C-alpha atoms as a PDB file:
ATOM      1  CA  MET A   1     -35.205  13.062  70.670  1.00  0.00           C
ATOM      2  CA  ALA A   2     -31.734  12.333  69.300  1.00  0.00           C
ATOM      3  CA  GLU A   3     -33.146   9.482  67.206  1.00  0.00           C
ATOM      4  CA  LYS A   4     -35.263  11.927  65.184  1.00  0.00           C
ATOM      5  CA  ARG A   5     -32.323  14.001  63.966  1.00  0.00           C
ATOM      6  CA  LEU A   6     -31.189  13.439  60.422  1.00  0.00           C
ATOM      7  CA  HIS A   7     -27.558  12.619  59.770  1.00  0.00           C
ATOM      8  CA  TRP A   8     -25.428  14.477  57.233  1.00  0.00           C
ATOM      9  CA  PRO A   9     -26.134  12.396  54.070  1.00  0.00           C
ATOM     10  CA  ALA A  10     -29.844  13.104  54.476  1.00  0.00           C
ATOM     11  CA  TRP A  11     -29.104  16.832  54.731  1.00  0.00           C
ATOM     12  CA  VAL A  12     -26.921  16.617  51.614  1.00  0.00           C
ATOM     13  CA  TRP A  13     -29.843  14.886  49.850  1.00  0.00           C
ATOM     14  CA  ILE A  14     -32.307  17.578  50.990  1.00  0.00           C
ATOM     15  CA  VAL A  15     -30.146  20.562  50.038  1.00  0.00           C
ATOM     16  CA  GLY A  16     -29.023  18.920  46.786  1.00  0.00           C
ATOM     17  CA  SER A  17     -32.614  18.105  45.823  1.00  0.00           C
ATOM     18  CA  LEU A  18     -33.737  21.677  46.426  1.00  0.00           C
ATOM     19  CA  PHE A  19     -30.796  23.091  44.446  1.00  0.00           C
ATOM     20  CA  ALA A  20     -31.413  20.625  41.597  1.00  0.00           C
ATOM     21  CA  ALA A  21     -35.106  21.546  41.529  1.00  0.00           C
ATOM     22  CA  GLY A  22     -34.180  25.242  41.395  1.00  0.00           C
ATOM     23  CA  GLY A  23     -31.743  24.550  38.564  1.00  0.00           C
ATOM     24  CA  PHE A  24     -34.396  22.622  36.646  1.00  0.00           C
ATOM     25  CA  ILE A  25     -36.823  25.526  37.096  1.00  0.00           C
ATOM     26  CA  VAL A  26     -34.303  28.018  35.676  1.00  0.00           C
ATOM     27  CA  VAL A  27     -33.375  25.748  32.740  1.00  0.00           C
ATOM     28  CA  THR A  28     -37.055  25.124  31.958  1.00  0.00           C
ATOM     29  CA  ILE A  29     -37.851  28.845  31.953  1.00  0.00           C
ATOM     30  CA  VAL A  30     -34.850  29.588  29.722  1.00  0.00           C
ATOM     31  CA  LYS A  31     -35.726  26.819  27.241  1.00  0.00           C
ATOM     32  CA  ILE A  32     -39.362  27.855  26.974  1.00  0.00           C
ATOM     33  CA  SER A  33     -38.534  31.559  26.681  1.00  0.00           C
ATOM     34  CA  HIS A  34     -35.995  30.718  23.970  1.00  0.00           C
ATOM     35  CA  GLY A  35     -38.715  28.849  22.076  1.00  0.00           C
ATOM     36  CA  ILE A  36     -41.169  31.721  22.476  1.00  0.00           C
ATOM     37  CA  GLU A  37     -38.742  34.381  21.224  1.00  0.00           C
ATOM     38  CA  GLY A  38     -39.391  33.579  17.591  1.00  0.00           C
ATOM     39  CA  ASP A  39     -37.499  30.426  16.742  1.00  0.00           C
ATOM     40  CA  THR A  40     -39.681  29.138  13.908  1.00  0.00           C
ATOM     41  CA  ASP A  41     -38.108  25.683  13.975  1.00  0.00           C
ATOM     42  CA  VAL A  42     -39.346  24.931  17.489  1.00  0.00           C
ATOM     43  CA  ILE A  43     -41.427  21.782  17.727  1.00  0.00           C
ATOM     44  CA  TRP A  44     -43.835  22.743  20.490  1.00  0.00           C
ATOM     45  CA  LEU A  45     -44.832  19.162  21.256  1.00  0.00           C
ATOM     46  CA  ASP A  46     -41.200  18.418  22.138  1.00  0.00           C
ATOM     47  CA  VAL A  47     -41.030  21.573  24.263  1.00  0.00           C
ATOM     48  CA  PHE A  48     -44.164  20.605  26.201  1.00  0.00           C
ATOM     49  CA  LYS A  49     -42.998  16.992  26.663  1.00  0.00           C
ATOM     50  CA  ALA A  50     -39.672  18.220  28.018  1.00  0.00           C
ATOM     51  CA  PHE A  51     -41.514  20.748  30.195  1.00  0.00           C
ATOM     52  CA  GLY A  52     -43.756  18.001  31.594  1.00  0.00           C
ATOM     53  CA  LEU A  53     -40.809  15.723  32.380  1.00  0.00           C
ATOM     54  CA  ARG A  54     -38.912  18.565  34.018  1.00  0.00           C
ATOM     55  CA  CYS A  55     -41.963  19.578  36.070  1.00  0.00           C
ATOM     56  CA  PHE A  56     -42.359  15.968  37.223  1.00  0.00           C
ATOM     57  CA  ASN A  57     -38.676  15.828  38.139  1.00  0.00           C
ATOM     58  CA  ILE A  58     -38.907  19.183  39.966  1.00  0.00           C
ATOM     59  CA  LEU A  59     -41.963  18.089  41.944  1.00  0.00           C
ATOM     60  CA  ILE A  60     -40.506  14.729  42.903  1.00  0.00           C
ATOM     61  CA  LEU A  61     -37.214  16.344  44.010  1.00  0.00           C
ATOM     62  CA  ILE A  62     -39.041  18.872  46.189  1.00  0.00           C
ATOM     63  CA  ALA A  63     -41.375  16.175  47.558  1.00  0.00           C
ATOM     64  CA  SER A  64     -38.387  13.991  48.374  1.00  0.00           C
ATOM     65  CA  ALA A  65     -36.628  16.797  50.238  1.00  0.00           C
ATOM     66  CA  VAL A  66     -39.697  17.966  52.169  1.00  0.00           C
ATOM     67  CA  THR A  67     -40.858  14.481  53.151  1.00  0.00           C
ATOM     68  CA  MET A  68     -37.346  13.615  54.306  1.00  0.00           C
ATOM     69  CA  LEU A  69     -37.675  16.510  56.756  1.00  0.00           C
ATOM     70  CA  ILE A  70     -41.189  15.576  57.884  1.00  0.00           C
ATOM     71  CA  LYS A  71     -41.255  11.772  57.924  1.00  0.00           C
ATOM     72  CA  ARG A  72     -38.053   9.839  57.477  1.00  0.00           C
ATOM     73  CA  LYS A  73     -39.571   6.613  56.078  1.00  0.00           C
ATOM     74  CA  ILE A  74     -41.699   8.344  53.434  1.00  0.00           C
ATOM     75  CA  GLY A  75     -38.707  10.515  52.502  1.00  0.00           C
ATOM     76  CA  TRP A  76     -36.644   7.375  52.047  1.00  0.00           C
ATOM     77  CA  ILE A  77     -39.305   5.932  49.714  1.00  0.00           C
ATOM     78  CA  PHE A  78     -39.458   9.201  47.739  1.00  0.00           C
ATOM     79  CA  ALA A  79     -35.657   9.189  47.449  1.00  0.00           C
ATOM     80  CA  LEU A  80     -35.771   5.694  45.943  1.00  0.00           C
ATOM     81  CA  VAL A  81     -38.547   6.737  43.538  1.00  0.00           C
ATOM     82  CA  THR A  82     -36.574   9.848  42.555  1.00  0.00           C
ATOM     83  CA  LEU A  83     -33.439   7.831  41.872  1.00  0.00           C
ATOM     84  CA  ALA A  84     -35.335   5.165  39.926  1.00  0.00           C
ATOM     85  CA  PHE A  85     -37.039   7.816  37.769  1.00  0.00           C
ATOM     86  CA  THR A  86     -33.715   9.590  37.208  1.00  0.00           C
ATOM     87  CA  LEU A  87     -31.915   6.418  36.131  1.00  0.00           C
ATOM     88  CA  VAL A  88     -34.713   5.291  33.807  1.00  0.00           C
ATOM     89  CA  TYR A  89     -35.065   8.759  32.262  1.00  0.00           C
ATOM     90  CA  ARG A  90     -31.315   9.137  31.730  1.00  0.00           C
ATOM     91  CA  SER A  91     -30.987   5.629  30.288  1.00  0.00           C
ATOM     92  CA  VAL A  92     -33.794   6.215  27.797  1.00  0.00           C
ATOM     93  CA  SER A  93     -32.365   9.641  26.891  1.00  0.00           C
ATOM     94  CA  TRP A  94     -28.865   8.281  26.269  1.00  0.00           C
ATOM     95  CA  ILE A  95     -30.185   5.384  24.180  1.00  0.00           C
ATOM     96  CA  TRP A  96     -32.356   7.819  22.194  1.00  0.00           C
ATOM     97  CA  TRP A  97     -29.399  10.164  21.598  1.00  0.00           C
ATOM     98  CA  LEU A  98     -27.161   7.271  20.532  1.00  0.00           C
ATOM     99  CA  PHE A  99     -29.674   5.978  17.979  1.00  0.00           C
ATOM    100  CA  ARG A 100     -30.262   9.473  16.583  1.00  0.00           C
ATOM    101  CA  GLY A 101     -26.516   9.973  16.205  1.00  0.00           C
ATOM    102  CA  GLU A 102     -26.400  13.052  18.429  1.00  0.00           C
ATOM    103  CA  ILE A 103     -23.534  11.708  20.518  1.00  0.00           C
ATOM    104  CA  GLU A 104     -20.222  11.663  18.699  1.00  0.00           C
ATOM    105  CA  ALA A 105     -16.682  11.424  19.953  1.00  0.00           C
ATOM    106  CA  GLU A 106     -14.055  11.772  17.245  1.00  0.00           C
ATOM    107  CA  THR A 107     -10.986  12.673  19.285  1.00  0.00           C
ATOM    108  CA  THR A 108      -9.527  11.237  22.459  1.00  0.00           C
ATOM    109  CA  GLY A 109     -10.440  14.394  24.390  1.00  0.00           C
ATOM    110  CA  GLN A 110     -14.053  14.184  23.276  1.00  0.00           C
ATOM    111  CA  LEU A 111     -14.152  10.492  24.161  1.00  0.00           C
ATOM    112  CA  LEU A 112     -12.702  11.196  27.615  1.00  0.00           C
ATOM    113  CA  PHE A 113     -15.206  14.009  28.171  1.00  0.00           C
ATOM    114  CA  LEU A 114     -18.059  11.722  27.070  1.00  0.00           C
ATOM    115  CA  LEU A 115     -16.832   9.010  29.449  1.00  0.00           C
ATOM    116  CA  ILE A 116     -16.725  11.488  32.353  1.00  0.00           C
ATOM    117  CA  VAL A 117     -20.247  12.696  31.543  1.00  0.00           C
ATOM    118  CA  VAL A 118     -21.568   9.121  31.397  1.00  0.00           C
ATOM    119  CA  VAL A 119     -19.894   8.214  34.701  1.00  0.00           C
ATOM    120  CA  LEU A 120     -21.310  11.316  36.404  1.00  0.00           C
ATOM    121  CA  THR A 121     -24.731  10.895  34.790  1.00  0.00           C
ATOM    122  CA  PHE A 122     -25.139   7.347  36.046  1.00  0.00           C
ATOM    123  CA  GLY A 123     -22.569   7.073  38.837  1.00  0.00           C
ATOM    124  CA  ILE A 124     -23.987   9.705  41.159  1.00  0.00           C
ATOM    125  CA  PRO A 125     -27.574   8.356  41.188  1.00  0.00           C
ATOM    126  CA  ILE A 126     -26.316   4.767  41.490  1.00  0.00           C
ATOM    127  CA  ALA A 127     -24.103   5.739  44.453  1.00  0.00           C
ATOM    128  CA  TRP A 128     -27.084   7.444  46.144  1.00  0.00           C
ATOM    129  CA  LEU A 129     -29.273   4.410  45.405  1.00  0.00           C
ATOM    130  CA  ILE A 130     -26.721   2.072  46.990  1.00  0.00           C
ATOM    131  CA  TYR A 131     -26.477   4.373  50.016  1.00  0.00           C
ATOM    132  CA  PHE A 132     -30.252   4.543  50.543  1.00  0.00           C
ATOM    133  CA  ILE A 133     -30.659   0.776  50.146  1.00  0.00           C
ATOM    134  CA  ARG A 134     -27.863   0.067  52.620  1.00  0.00           C
ATOM    135  CA  ALA A 135     -29.157   2.703  55.073  1.00  0.00           C
ATOM    136  CA  ARG A 136     -32.759   1.476  55.038  1.00  0.00           C
ATOM    137  CA  LYS A 137     -32.508   0.518  58.726  1.00  0.00           C
ATOM    138  CA  ARG A 138     -31.780   4.139  59.570  1.00  0.00           C
ATOM    139  CA  TYR A 139     -34.766   5.436  57.603  1.00  0.00           C
ATOM    140  CA  CYS A 140     -37.241   2.669  58.428  1.00  0.00           C
ATOM    141  CA  PRO A 141     -36.586   1.772  62.082  1.00  0.00           C
ATOM    142  CA  SER A 142     -38.751  -0.836  63.760  1.00  0.00           C
ATOM    143  CA  LYS A 143     -38.815  -2.530  67.157  1.00  0.00           C
ATOM    144  CA  SER A 144     -36.758  -5.421  65.839  1.00  0.00           C
ATOM    145  CA  ASN A 145     -34.513  -3.043  63.914  1.00  0.00           C
ATOM    146  CA  PRO A 146     -33.862   0.085  66.040  1.00  0.00           C
ATOM    147  CA  VAL A 147     -31.627   2.947  64.989  1.00  0.00           C
ATOM    148  CA  ILE A 148     -28.328   2.445  66.794  1.00  0.00           C
ATOM    149  CA  SER A 149     -26.868   5.927  66.370  1.00  0.00           C
ATOM    150  CA  PRO A 150     -28.264   8.782  64.305  1.00  0.00           C
ATOM    151  CA  TYR A 151     -24.819  10.307  63.779  1.00  0.00           C
ATOM    152  CA  LEU A 152     -23.051   7.496  61.896  1.00  0.00           C
END
């Protein structure tokens, strides 16, 4: 029975995924309601594309958290898919913003802030990805590869 318990990083992933999904829901509602309130310059195709991407991200975060609770191996796979989607989406977004000239840093403070944002934007998912790849034995135990201790 002790082998079925999740260790603390998995719980951090579950709670963090649910909080992130809730945050995405709130941001999506606010953005759409802002567009509905009479902003005539709103490009609705962009709003619906962003809404679709956010809905996909919300669903995959919730699926990752729930499957981690139900079946450890499937949750591990969903976590990898979530992180891969997040990194690809953020990379494409940053490249798009750079080419459109929306990202500017004219002072040292702005450059430092931009550097911190980039490190957090890519560093956190990469750290989680490294963790899940290194901990694959814990999430995908087999007879030749048993879980040694669920509390490490």
